[in-house]
Amino acid sequence: MSDDTKLIDDSPIPDTPVIPNQMQGDAVIQFRCHKDIDCFNACCKNIDIMLTPYDIIRLKNRLGITSTEFLREYTEPFEFGRNSVGGVKYKPKEGTNECQFVTDEGCSVYEDRPTACRYYPVGLLSTRRQDENFDRASYALVTEDHCHGHFEDRKLTIDEYREEQGLEEYDEKGRAWRQLILKVKSAGPAIGNMSKTSLKFFFMACYDVDRLREFVKSEGFNTTYDVDPETMDKILSDDLALLEFGDRLIRQVMYAEESIPLRSDALEQHLSRRGDRESTVHDDMERPSMASYEMPVDGEDEKNK
């Protein structure tokens, strides 16, 4: 197996039409998309678009709704692997493969369009070698029959295209999540199958920031973790600060990468709430109750299972 194949296998991007011939940012591509091209909107009518946590924040704020509402109305979950953590994709219009936000004039949320839409027809390959503890970015060109933008008379580098599409901000805000997905995928069977609680916890902390905010405000959380007032004020008022905190919380709860201090009496408080002072399961103590979190990983209500 070549090193390139190992890199592609570690990519968090699910199966796509990307041909994994890796390119660097200075590679030159030929592409232009505009309203008068004969394939305008074609890519929006046959979608398979994965959303990053930052995409969800941008879109839910654009629409003036909570992340919970956005997830239920506009997305559908998928698994990155069997018994693995979940991701989120756009849910197409009912009975079609068409994006819910496409109009005859183009994208109705264009200024806040997702990372994948901004990159098209370039694919981002966020990868990690087996002997490295950091990710690296490379690119691949997506070529699909319906897209005629490749025949337009305009050439530019991938880096120039990324700057044009406003991707520096999106890549920066999505980097921690990409690294986390790579971490989960590379751990694989070594950590065993995750419990339903862990899967739901991961989903909430990554994608449902408004539910996460309520979770952080809960008694269970605040009798377990010792978060200073300044940090608490910041994460309760700033979606991006809360998103970063959620990443830290996932790494601490699921991978023992401790960065959030526990209260000295956390175990006693936890056992008191449970009414079970003989239990000493540290894993339960670190993970406050997720019973109120109802967004299922597989898209079905728990009550229907």
C-alpha atoms as a PDB file:
ATOM      1  CA  MET A   1       0.000   0.000   0.000  1.00  0.00           C
ATOM      2  CA  SER A   2       1.458   3.372  -0.969  1.00  0.00           C
ATOM      3  CA  ASP A   3       1.772   6.293   1.433  1.00  0.00           C
ATOM      4  CA  ASP A   4      -0.756   8.194  -0.671  1.00  0.00           C
ATOM      5  CA  THR A   5      -3.301   5.419  -0.207  1.00  0.00           C
ATOM      6  CA  LYS A   6      -2.744   5.496   3.548  1.00  0.00           C
ATOM      7  CA  LEU A   7      -3.368   9.227   3.521  1.00  0.00           C
ATOM      8  CA  ILE A   8      -6.596   8.914   1.552  1.00  0.00           C
ATOM      9  CA  ASP A   9      -7.830   6.151   3.850  1.00  0.00           C
ATOM     10  CA  ASP A  10      -7.429   8.480   6.823  1.00  0.00           C
ATOM     11  CA  SER A  11      -9.425  11.304   5.212  1.00  0.00           C
ATOM     12  CA  PRO A  12     -12.623  12.271   7.077  1.00  0.00           C
ATOM     13  CA  ILE A  13     -14.358  12.991   3.789  1.00  0.00           C
ATOM     14  CA  PRO A  14     -16.902  10.235   2.970  1.00  0.00           C
ATOM     15  CA  ASP A  15     -17.104   8.605  -0.461  1.00  0.00           C
ATOM     16  CA  THR A  16     -17.287  11.285  -3.166  1.00  0.00           C
ATOM     17  CA  PRO A  17     -16.636  11.570  -6.909  1.00  0.00           C
ATOM     18  CA  VAL A  18     -13.172  12.913  -6.065  1.00  0.00           C
ATOM     19  CA  ILE A  19     -10.392  11.081  -7.898  1.00  0.00           C
ATOM     20  CA  PRO A  20      -7.658  11.090  -5.237  1.00  0.00           C
ATOM     21  CA  ASN A  21      -4.792  12.482  -7.292  1.00  0.00           C
ATOM     22  CA  GLN A  22      -3.383  14.786  -4.661  1.00  0.00           C
ATOM     23  CA  MET A  23      -2.613  18.385  -5.585  1.00  0.00           C
ATOM     24  CA  GLN A  24      -1.029  21.226  -3.659  1.00  0.00           C
ATOM     25  CA  GLY A  25      -2.264  24.777  -3.313  1.00  0.00           C
ATOM     26  CA  ASP A  26      -0.084  26.101  -6.112  1.00  0.00           C
ATOM     27  CA  ALA A  27      -1.583  23.695  -8.659  1.00  0.00           C
ATOM     28  CA  VAL A  28      -3.375  25.471 -11.513  1.00  0.00           C
ATOM     29  CA  ILE A  29      -6.972  24.593 -12.360  1.00  0.00           C
ATOM     30  CA  GLN A  30      -9.296  25.797 -15.100  1.00  0.00           C
ATOM     31  CA  PHE A  31     -12.744  26.661 -13.786  1.00  0.00           C
ATOM     32  CA  ARG A  32     -15.432  29.315 -13.586  1.00  0.00           C
ATOM     33  CA  CYS A  33     -19.060  29.140 -12.474  1.00  0.00           C
ATOM     34  CA  HIS A  34     -21.556  31.892 -13.290  1.00  0.00           C
ATOM     35  CA  LYS A  35     -25.281  32.426 -13.769  1.00  0.00           C
ATOM     36  CA  ASP A  36     -25.146  32.315 -17.565  1.00  0.00           C
ATOM     37  CA  ILE A  37     -23.391  28.965 -17.841  1.00  0.00           C
ATOM     38  CA  ASP A  38     -25.669  26.236 -19.219  1.00  0.00           C
ATOM     39  CA  CYS A  39     -25.148  23.956 -16.200  1.00  0.00           C
ATOM     40  CA  PHE A  40     -25.963  26.643 -13.612  1.00  0.00           C
ATOM     41  CA  ASN A  41     -27.526  25.073 -10.474  1.00  0.00           C
ATOM     42  CA  ALA A  42     -26.967  21.523 -11.786  1.00  0.00           C
ATOM     43  CA  CYS A  43     -24.655  20.643  -8.891  1.00  0.00           C
ATOM     44  CA  CYS A  44     -27.291  21.906  -6.426  1.00  0.00           C
ATOM     45  CA  LYS A  45     -29.908  19.516  -7.800  1.00  0.00           C
ATOM     46  CA  ASN A  46     -27.998  16.342  -7.033  1.00  0.00           C
ATOM     47  CA  ILE A  47     -26.432  16.930  -3.658  1.00  0.00           C
ATOM     48  CA  ASP A  48     -24.349  14.900  -1.241  1.00  0.00           C
ATOM     49  CA  ILE A  49     -23.039  17.667   0.991  1.00  0.00           C
ATOM     50  CA  MET A  50     -21.383  17.028   4.343  1.00  0.00           C
ATOM     51  CA  LEU A  51     -21.618  19.887   6.834  1.00  0.00           C
ATOM     52  CA  THR A  52     -18.977  20.928   9.329  1.00  0.00           C
ATOM     53  CA  PRO A  53     -19.876  22.282  12.784  1.00  0.00           C
ATOM     54  CA  TYR A  54     -18.932  25.776  11.598  1.00  0.00           C
ATOM     55  CA  ASP A  55     -21.218  25.385   8.567  1.00  0.00           C
ATOM     56  CA  ILE A  56     -24.110  24.630  10.897  1.00  0.00           C
ATOM     57  CA  ILE A  57     -23.439  27.689  13.049  1.00  0.00           C
ATOM     58  CA  ARG A  58     -23.310  29.956  10.004  1.00  0.00           C
ATOM     59  CA  LEU A  59     -26.501  28.521   8.522  1.00  0.00           C
ATOM     60  CA  LYS A  60     -28.593  28.386  11.684  1.00  0.00           C
ATOM     61  CA  ASN A  61     -27.676  31.999  12.465  1.00  0.00           C
ATOM     62  CA  ARG A  62     -28.463  32.978   8.868  1.00  0.00           C
ATOM     63  CA  LEU A  63     -31.923  31.418   9.204  1.00  0.00           C
ATOM     64  CA  GLY A  64     -32.514  32.775  12.711  1.00  0.00           C
ATOM     65  CA  ILE A  65     -33.200  29.370  14.252  1.00  0.00           C
ATOM     66  CA  THR A  66     -31.492  27.147  16.813  1.00  0.00           C
ATOM     67  CA  SER A  67     -28.989  24.489  15.843  1.00  0.00           C
ATOM     68  CA  THR A  68     -31.468  21.871  17.072  1.00  0.00           C
ATOM     69  CA  GLU A  69     -34.145  23.207  14.720  1.00  0.00           C
ATOM     70  CA  PHE A  70     -31.690  23.407  11.843  1.00  0.00           C
ATOM     71  CA  LEU A  71     -30.529  19.814  12.330  1.00  0.00           C
ATOM     72  CA  ARG A  72     -34.080  18.472  12.371  1.00  0.00           C
ATOM     73  CA  GLU A  73     -35.338  20.511   9.422  1.00  0.00           C
ATOM     74  CA  TYR A  74     -32.405  20.637   7.026  1.00  0.00           C
ATOM     75  CA  THR A  75     -30.054  17.744   7.761  1.00  0.00           C
ATOM     76  CA  GLU A  76     -29.759  14.002   8.066  1.00  0.00           C
ATOM     77  CA  PRO A  77     -27.094  12.121  10.049  1.00  0.00           C
ATOM     78  CA  PHE A  78     -24.717   9.481   8.756  1.00  0.00           C
ATOM     79  CA  GLU A  79     -21.992   7.346  10.314  1.00  0.00           C
ATOM     80  CA  PHE A  80     -18.323   7.782   9.439  1.00  0.00           C
ATOM     81  CA  GLY A  81     -17.961   4.043   9.913  1.00  0.00           C
ATOM     82  CA  ARG A  82     -19.752   1.087  11.425  1.00  0.00           C
ATOM     83  CA  ASN A  83     -20.483   1.808  15.111  1.00  0.00           C
ATOM     84  CA  SER A  84     -18.572   5.073  14.745  1.00  0.00           C
ATOM     85  CA  VAL A  85     -19.416   8.697  15.369  1.00  0.00           C
ATOM     86  CA  GLY A  86     -21.931  10.552  13.262  1.00  0.00           C
ATOM     87  CA  GLY A  87     -21.640  13.282  10.692  1.00  0.00           C
ATOM     88  CA  VAL A  88     -24.262  15.557   9.160  1.00  0.00           C
ATOM     89  CA  LYS A  89     -25.367  16.028   5.557  1.00  0.00           C
ATOM     90  CA  TYR A  90     -27.850  18.350   3.918  1.00  0.00           C
ATOM     91  CA  LYS A  91     -31.291  16.762   3.636  1.00  0.00           C
ATOM     92  CA  PRO A  92     -32.583  17.308   0.076  1.00  0.00           C
ATOM     93  CA  LYS A  93     -36.060  18.466  -0.815  1.00  0.00           C
ATOM     94  CA  GLU A  94     -38.552  15.704  -0.253  1.00  0.00           C
ATOM     95  CA  GLY A  95     -38.699  13.246  -3.136  1.00  0.00           C
ATOM     96  CA  THR A  96     -35.674  14.785  -4.889  1.00  0.00           C
ATOM     97  CA  ASN A  97     -31.893  15.083  -4.604  1.00  0.00           C
ATOM     98  CA  GLU A  98     -32.164  18.882  -4.786  1.00  0.00           C
ATOM     99  CA  CYS A  99     -30.795  21.246  -2.153  1.00  0.00           C
ATOM    100  CA  GLN A 100     -33.472  22.943  -0.088  1.00  0.00           C
ATOM    101  CA  PHE A 101     -31.749  26.292  -0.584  1.00  0.00           C
ATOM    102  CA  VAL A 102     -31.417  26.333  -4.379  1.00  0.00           C
ATOM    103  CA  THR A 103     -33.555  28.774  -6.384  1.00  0.00           C
ATOM    104  CA  ASP A 104     -33.662  29.730 -10.050  1.00  0.00           C
ATOM    105  CA  GLU A 105     -31.399  32.659  -9.156  1.00  0.00           C
ATOM    106  CA  GLY A 106     -28.910  30.425  -7.402  1.00  0.00           C
ATOM    107  CA  CYS A 107     -28.203  29.679  -3.732  1.00  0.00           C
ATOM    108  CA  SER A 108     -30.493  31.517  -1.311  1.00  0.00           C
ATOM    109  CA  VAL A 109     -27.893  31.288   1.488  1.00  0.00           C
ATOM    110  CA  TYR A 110     -24.888  31.979  -0.731  1.00  0.00           C
ATOM    111  CA  GLU A 111     -23.012  34.228   1.713  1.00  0.00           C
ATOM    112  CA  ASP A 112     -23.173  31.452   4.320  1.00  0.00           C
ATOM    113  CA  ARG A 113     -22.938  28.441   2.005  1.00  0.00           C
ATOM    114  CA  PRO A 114     -21.132  25.395   3.436  1.00  0.00           C
ATOM    115  CA  THR A 115     -17.472  24.515   3.101  1.00  0.00           C
ATOM    116  CA  ALA A 116     -18.125  21.770   0.536  1.00  0.00           C
ATOM    117  CA  CYS A 117     -20.064  24.160  -1.711  1.00  0.00           C
ATOM    118  CA  ARG A 118     -17.296  26.748  -1.516  1.00  0.00           C
ATOM    119  CA  TYR A 119     -14.649  24.185  -2.419  1.00  0.00           C
ATOM    120  CA  TYR A 120     -16.437  22.676  -5.409  1.00  0.00           C
ATOM    121  CA  PRO A 121     -14.995  21.564  -7.829  1.00  0.00           C
ATOM    122  CA  VAL A 122     -11.985  21.131  -5.551  1.00  0.00           C
ATOM    123  CA  GLY A 123     -12.022  18.447  -2.876  1.00  0.00           C
ATOM    124  CA  LEU A 124     -10.199  18.996   0.409  1.00  0.00           C
ATOM    125  CA  LEU A 125      -8.284  15.932   1.611  1.00  0.00           C
ATOM    126  CA  SER A 126      -7.545  16.367   5.306  1.00  0.00           C
ATOM    127  CA  THR A 127      -5.205  13.485   6.021  1.00  0.00           C
ATOM    128  CA  ARG A 128      -2.755  12.072   8.541  1.00  0.00           C
ATOM    129  CA  ARG A 129       0.088   9.606   8.124  1.00  0.00           C
ATOM    130  CA  GLN A 130       0.100   6.665  10.495  1.00  0.00           C
ATOM    131  CA  ASP A 131       3.264   7.856  12.241  1.00  0.00           C
ATOM    132  CA  GLU A 132       2.118  11.494  12.668  1.00  0.00           C
ATOM    133  CA  ASN A 133      -0.069  13.221  15.253  1.00  0.00           C
ATOM    134  CA  PHE A 134      -1.116  16.131  13.035  1.00  0.00           C
ATOM    135  CA  ASP A 135      -3.191  16.466   9.887  1.00  0.00           C
ATOM    136  CA  ARG A 136      -2.133  17.880   6.548  1.00  0.00           C
ATOM    137  CA  ALA A 137      -4.221  19.354   3.745  1.00  0.00           C
ATOM    138  CA  SER A 138      -4.048  18.488   0.089  1.00  0.00           C
ATOM    139  CA  TYR A 139      -6.573  18.809  -2.708  1.00  0.00           C
ATOM    140  CA  ALA A 140      -8.124  16.904  -5.584  1.00  0.00           C
ATOM    141  CA  LEU A 141     -10.149  18.038  -8.560  1.00  0.00           C
ATOM    142  CA  VAL A 142     -13.765  16.888  -8.849  1.00  0.00           C
ATOM    143  CA  THR A 143     -14.770  16.276 -12.459  1.00  0.00           C
ATOM    144  CA  GLU A 144     -18.425  15.449 -13.121  1.00  0.00           C
ATOM    145  CA  ASP A 145     -20.166  15.281 -16.493  1.00  0.00           C
ATOM    146  CA  HIS A 146     -22.849  17.802 -15.576  1.00  0.00           C
ATOM    147  CA  CYS A 147     -20.326  20.537 -14.736  1.00  0.00           C
ATOM    148  CA  HIS A 148     -19.159  22.632 -17.706  1.00  0.00           C
ATOM    149  CA  GLY A 149     -17.226  25.143 -15.620  1.00  0.00           C
ATOM    150  CA  HIS A 150     -14.035  23.248 -16.409  1.00  0.00           C
ATOM    151  CA  PHE A 151     -14.293  24.437 -20.033  1.00  0.00           C
ATOM    152  CA  GLU A 152     -14.456  28.133 -19.149  1.00  0.00           C
ATOM    153  CA  ASP A 153     -11.500  30.270 -20.179  1.00  0.00           C
ATOM    154  CA  ARG A 154     -10.081  31.043 -16.738  1.00  0.00           C
ATOM    155  CA  LYS A 155      -7.081  29.597 -14.952  1.00  0.00           C
ATOM    156  CA  LEU A 156      -6.017  30.123 -11.347  1.00  0.00           C
ATOM    157  CA  THR A 157      -4.256  28.250  -8.566  1.00  0.00           C
ATOM    158  CA  ILE A 158      -6.135  26.314  -5.928  1.00  0.00           C
ATOM    159  CA  ASP A 159      -4.887  28.773  -3.316  1.00  0.00           C
ATOM    160  CA  GLU A 160      -6.273  31.658  -5.366  1.00  0.00           C
ATOM    161  CA  TYR A 161      -9.571  29.835  -5.726  1.00  0.00           C
ATOM    162  CA  ARG A 162      -9.723  29.189  -1.977  1.00  0.00           C
ATOM    163  CA  GLU A 163      -9.117  32.871  -1.249  1.00  0.00           C
ATOM    164  CA  GLU A 164     -11.788  33.862  -3.773  1.00  0.00           C
ATOM    165  CA  GLN A 165     -14.329  31.548  -2.115  1.00  0.00           C
ATOM    166  CA  GLY A 166     -13.592  32.756   1.425  1.00  0.00           C
ATOM    167  CA  LEU A 167     -12.289  29.382   2.522  1.00  0.00           C
ATOM    168  CA  GLU A 168      -9.473  30.488   4.820  1.00  0.00           C
ATOM    169  CA  GLU A 169     -11.958  31.258   7.597  1.00  0.00           C
ATOM    170  CA  TYR A 170     -13.955  28.075   7.001  1.00  0.00           C
ATOM    171  CA  ASP A 171     -10.831  25.908   7.024  1.00  0.00           C
ATOM    172  CA  GLU A 172      -9.525  27.543  10.192  1.00  0.00           C
ATOM    173  CA  LYS A 173     -12.833  27.098  12.037  1.00  0.00           C
ATOM    174  CA  GLY A 174     -13.176  23.504  10.808  1.00  0.00           C
ATOM    175  CA  ARG A 175      -9.629  22.334  11.513  1.00  0.00           C
ATOM    176  CA  ALA A 176     -10.201  21.097  15.077  1.00  0.00           C
ATOM    177  CA  TRP A 177     -13.220  19.068  13.954  1.00  0.00           C
ATOM    178  CA  ARG A 178     -11.318  17.506  11.036  1.00  0.00           C
ATOM    179  CA  GLN A 179      -8.519  16.537  13.416  1.00  0.00           C
ATOM    180  CA  LEU A 180     -11.054  15.033  15.795  1.00  0.00           C
ATOM    181  CA  ILE A 181     -12.654  12.934  13.054  1.00  0.00           C
ATOM    182  CA  LEU A 182      -9.220  11.727  11.987  1.00  0.00           C
ATOM    183  CA  LYS A 183      -8.505  10.818  15.603  1.00  0.00           C
ATOM    184  CA  VAL A 184     -11.705   8.788  15.853  1.00  0.00           C
ATOM    185  CA  LYS A 185     -11.070   7.021  12.551  1.00  0.00           C
ATOM    186  CA  SER A 186      -7.444   6.227  13.332  1.00  0.00           C
ATOM    187  CA  ALA A 187      -8.337   4.875  16.798  1.00  0.00           C
ATOM    188  CA  GLY A 188     -10.776   2.422  15.225  1.00  0.00           C
ATOM    189  CA  PRO A 189     -11.235  -0.862  17.091  1.00  0.00           C
ATOM    190  CA  ALA A 190      -8.600   0.130  19.638  1.00  0.00           C
ATOM    191  CA  ILE A 191     -11.210   1.953  21.719  1.00  0.00           C
ATOM    192  CA  GLY A 192     -13.973  -0.565  21.073  1.00  0.00           C
ATOM    193  CA  ASN A 193     -17.534   0.159  20.022  1.00  0.00           C
ATOM    194  CA  MET A 194     -18.791   3.424  21.465  1.00  0.00           C
ATOM    195  CA  SER A 195     -21.859   3.368  23.664  1.00  0.00           C
ATOM    196  CA  LYS A 196     -25.068   5.026  22.521  1.00  0.00           C
ATOM    197  CA  THR A 197     -24.468   7.693  25.176  1.00  0.00           C
ATOM    198  CA  SER A 198     -21.004   8.443  23.796  1.00  0.00           C
ATOM    199  CA  LEU A 199     -22.296   8.667  20.229  1.00  0.00           C
ATOM    200  CA  LYS A 200     -25.079  11.052  21.230  1.00  0.00           C
ATOM    201  CA  PHE A 201     -22.669  13.091  23.330  1.00  0.00           C
ATOM    202  CA  PHE A 202     -20.249  13.406  20.416  1.00  0.00           C
ATOM    203  CA  PHE A 203     -23.073  14.450  18.070  1.00  0.00           C
ATOM    204  CA  MET A 204     -24.357  17.138  20.423  1.00  0.00           C
ATOM    205  CA  ALA A 205     -20.947  18.570  21.289  1.00  0.00           C
ATOM    206  CA  CYS A 206     -19.953  18.795  17.605  1.00  0.00           C
ATOM    207  CA  TYR A 207     -23.125  19.911  15.839  1.00  0.00           C
ATOM    208  CA  ASP A 208     -25.842  21.073  18.234  1.00  0.00           C
ATOM    209  CA  VAL A 209     -24.301  24.096  19.951  1.00  0.00           C
ATOM    210  CA  ASP A 210     -27.601  25.426  21.290  1.00  0.00           C
ATOM    211  CA  ARG A 211     -28.335  22.102  22.988  1.00  0.00           C
ATOM    212  CA  LEU A 212     -24.729  22.002  24.192  1.00  0.00           C
ATOM    213  CA  ARG A 213     -25.224  25.442  25.733  1.00  0.00           C
ATOM    214  CA  GLU A 214     -28.178  24.155  27.777  1.00  0.00           C
ATOM    215  CA  PHE A 215     -26.115  21.119  28.759  1.00  0.00           C
ATOM    216  CA  VAL A 216     -23.262  23.331  29.996  1.00  0.00           C
ATOM    217  CA  LYS A 217     -25.758  25.339  32.042  1.00  0.00           C
ATOM    218  CA  SER A 218     -27.166  22.200  33.693  1.00  0.00           C
ATOM    219  CA  GLU A 219     -26.681  21.248  37.340  1.00  0.00           C
ATOM    220  CA  GLY A 220     -25.073  17.964  36.349  1.00  0.00           C
ATOM    221  CA  PHE A 221     -22.371  19.727  34.358  1.00  0.00           C
ATOM    222  CA  ASN A 222     -21.679  22.431  36.920  1.00  0.00           C
ATOM    223  CA  THR A 223     -21.345  20.015  39.828  1.00  0.00           C
ATOM    224  CA  THR A 224     -18.852  18.012  37.790  1.00  0.00           C
ATOM    225  CA  TYR A 225     -16.646  20.578  36.017  1.00  0.00           C
ATOM    226  CA  ASP A 226     -14.939  23.620  37.509  1.00  0.00           C
ATOM    227  CA  VAL A 227     -15.215  26.236  34.760  1.00  0.00           C
ATOM    228  CA  ASP A 228     -14.135  29.741  35.742  1.00  0.00           C
ATOM    229  CA  PRO A 229     -16.777  32.508  35.435  1.00  0.00           C
ATOM    230  CA  GLU A 230     -15.017  34.335  32.598  1.00  0.00           C
ATOM    231  CA  THR A 231     -14.842  31.195  30.457  1.00  0.00           C
ATOM    232  CA  MET A 232     -18.429  30.285  31.310  1.00  0.00           C
ATOM    233  CA  ASP A 233     -19.685  33.733  30.290  1.00  0.00           C
ATOM    234  CA  LYS A 234     -17.769  33.453  27.016  1.00  0.00           C
ATOM    235  CA  ILE A 235     -19.034  30.016  26.027  1.00  0.00           C
ATOM    236  CA  LEU A 236     -22.620  30.851  26.968  1.00  0.00           C
ATOM    237  CA  SER A 237     -22.651  33.955  24.766  1.00  0.00           C
ATOM    238  CA  ASP A 238     -20.391  33.015  21.832  1.00  0.00           C
ATOM    239  CA  ASP A 239     -21.187  30.075  19.513  1.00  0.00           C
ATOM    240  CA  LEU A 240     -17.603  29.760  18.309  1.00  0.00           C
ATOM    241  CA  ALA A 241     -16.161  29.769  21.828  1.00  0.00           C
ATOM    242  CA  LEU A 242     -18.707  27.105  22.754  1.00  0.00           C
ATOM    243  CA  LEU A 243     -17.764  25.059  19.680  1.00  0.00           C
ATOM    244  CA  GLU A 244     -14.103  25.125  20.760  1.00  0.00           C
ATOM    245  CA  PHE A 245     -15.106  24.182  24.308  1.00  0.00           C
ATOM    246  CA  GLY A 246     -17.169  21.286  22.956  1.00  0.00           C
ATOM    247  CA  ASP A 247     -14.081  19.957  21.194  1.00  0.00           C
ATOM    248  CA  ARG A 248     -12.151  20.083  24.474  1.00  0.00           C
ATOM    249  CA  LEU A 249     -15.007  18.347  26.274  1.00  0.00           C
ATOM    250  CA  ILE A 250     -15.137  15.525  23.718  1.00  0.00           C
ATOM    251  CA  ARG A 251     -11.389  14.966  23.980  1.00  0.00           C
ATOM    252  CA  GLN A 252     -11.571  14.900  27.765  1.00  0.00           C
ATOM    253  CA  VAL A 253     -14.605  12.629  28.116  1.00  0.00           C
ATOM    254  CA  MET A 254     -13.779  10.227  25.289  1.00  0.00           C
ATOM    255  CA  TYR A 255      -9.966  10.325  25.127  1.00  0.00           C
ATOM    256  CA  ALA A 256      -8.857  11.433  28.624  1.00  0.00           C
ATOM    257  CA  GLU A 257      -7.143  14.548  27.214  1.00  0.00           C
ATOM    258  CA  GLU A 258      -7.863  16.630  30.285  1.00  0.00           C
ATOM    259  CA  SER A 259      -8.067  20.401  29.866  1.00  0.00           C
ATOM    260  CA  ILE A 260     -11.195  21.177  31.912  1.00  0.00           C
ATOM    261  CA  PRO A 261     -10.714  20.837  35.671  1.00  0.00           C
ATOM    262  CA  LEU A 262     -13.084  18.650  37.700  1.00  0.00           C
ATOM    263  CA  ARG A 263     -14.534  19.885  40.953  1.00  0.00           C
ATOM    264  CA  SER A 264     -12.930  18.319  44.012  1.00  0.00           C
ATOM    265  CA  ASP A 265     -16.304  16.999  45.178  1.00  0.00           C
ATOM    266  CA  ALA A 266     -17.500  15.947  41.704  1.00  0.00           C
ATOM    267  CA  LEU A 267     -17.657  12.234  42.469  1.00  0.00           C
ATOM    268  CA  GLU A 268     -19.544  12.777  45.721  1.00  0.00           C
ATOM    269  CA  GLN A 269     -22.023  15.093  44.016  1.00  0.00           C
ATOM    270  CA  HIS A 270     -22.491  12.636  41.157  1.00  0.00           C
ATOM    271  CA  LEU A 271     -23.143   9.704  43.472  1.00  0.00           C
ATOM    272  CA  SER A 272     -25.490  11.803  45.568  1.00  0.00           C
ATOM    273  CA  ARG A 273     -27.585  12.655  42.515  1.00  0.00           C
ATOM    274  CA  ARG A 274     -27.690   8.976  41.564  1.00  0.00           C
ATOM    275  CA  GLY A 275     -28.473   7.849  45.089  1.00  0.00           C
ATOM    276  CA  ASP A 276     -25.799   5.184  44.667  1.00  0.00           C
ATOM    277  CA  ARG A 277     -22.835   5.820  46.937  1.00  0.00           C
ATOM    278  CA  GLU A 278     -21.342   2.398  46.309  1.00  0.00           C
ATOM    279  CA  SER A 279     -20.687   3.162  42.633  1.00  0.00           C
ATOM    280  CA  THR A 280     -17.174   4.356  41.793  1.00  0.00           C
ATOM    281  CA  VAL A 281     -17.349   4.336  38.000  1.00  0.00           C
ATOM    282  CA  HIS A 282     -15.166   7.293  37.044  1.00  0.00           C
ATOM    283  CA  ASP A 283     -16.408   7.195  33.448  1.00  0.00           C
ATOM    284  CA  ASP A 284     -19.956   7.896  34.627  1.00  0.00           C
ATOM    285  CA  MET A 285     -18.706  10.653  36.894  1.00  0.00           C
ATOM    286  CA  GLU A 286     -17.003  12.440  34.011  1.00  0.00           C
ATOM    287  CA  ARG A 287     -20.006  12.214  31.742  1.00  0.00           C
ATOM    288  CA  PRO A 288     -23.048  14.053  33.164  1.00  0.00           C
ATOM    289  CA  SER A 289     -26.437  12.659  32.193  1.00  0.00           C
ATOM    290  CA  MET A 290     -27.308  12.888  28.515  1.00  0.00           C
ATOM    291  CA  ALA A 291     -30.913  11.781  29.059  1.00  0.00           C
ATOM    292  CA  SER A 292     -32.289  15.150  27.974  1.00  0.00           C
ATOM    293  CA  TYR A 293     -30.450  15.070  24.660  1.00  0.00           C
ATOM    294  CA  GLU A 294     -32.809  13.639  22.051  1.00  0.00           C
ATOM    295  CA  MET A 295     -31.041  14.036  18.694  1.00  0.00           C
ATOM    296  CA  PRO A 296     -30.415  10.414  17.645  1.00  0.00           C
ATOM    297  CA  VAL A 297     -27.408   9.424  15.581  1.00  0.00           C
ATOM    298  CA  ASP A 298     -29.402   7.273  13.173  1.00  0.00           C
ATOM    299  CA  GLY A 299     -32.172   9.788  12.470  1.00  0.00           C
ATOM    300  CA  GLU A 300     -34.923   7.894  14.309  1.00  0.00           C
ATOM    301  CA  ASP A 301     -36.494   8.900  17.589  1.00  0.00           C
ATOM    302  CA  GLU A 302     -35.317   6.818  20.502  1.00  0.00           C
ATOM    303  CA  LYS A 303     -38.916   6.201  21.496  1.00  0.00           C
ATOM    304  CA  ASN A 304     -39.501   4.392  18.212  1.00  0.00           C
ATOM    305  CA  LYS A 305     -36.717   1.878  18.763  1.00  0.00           C
END
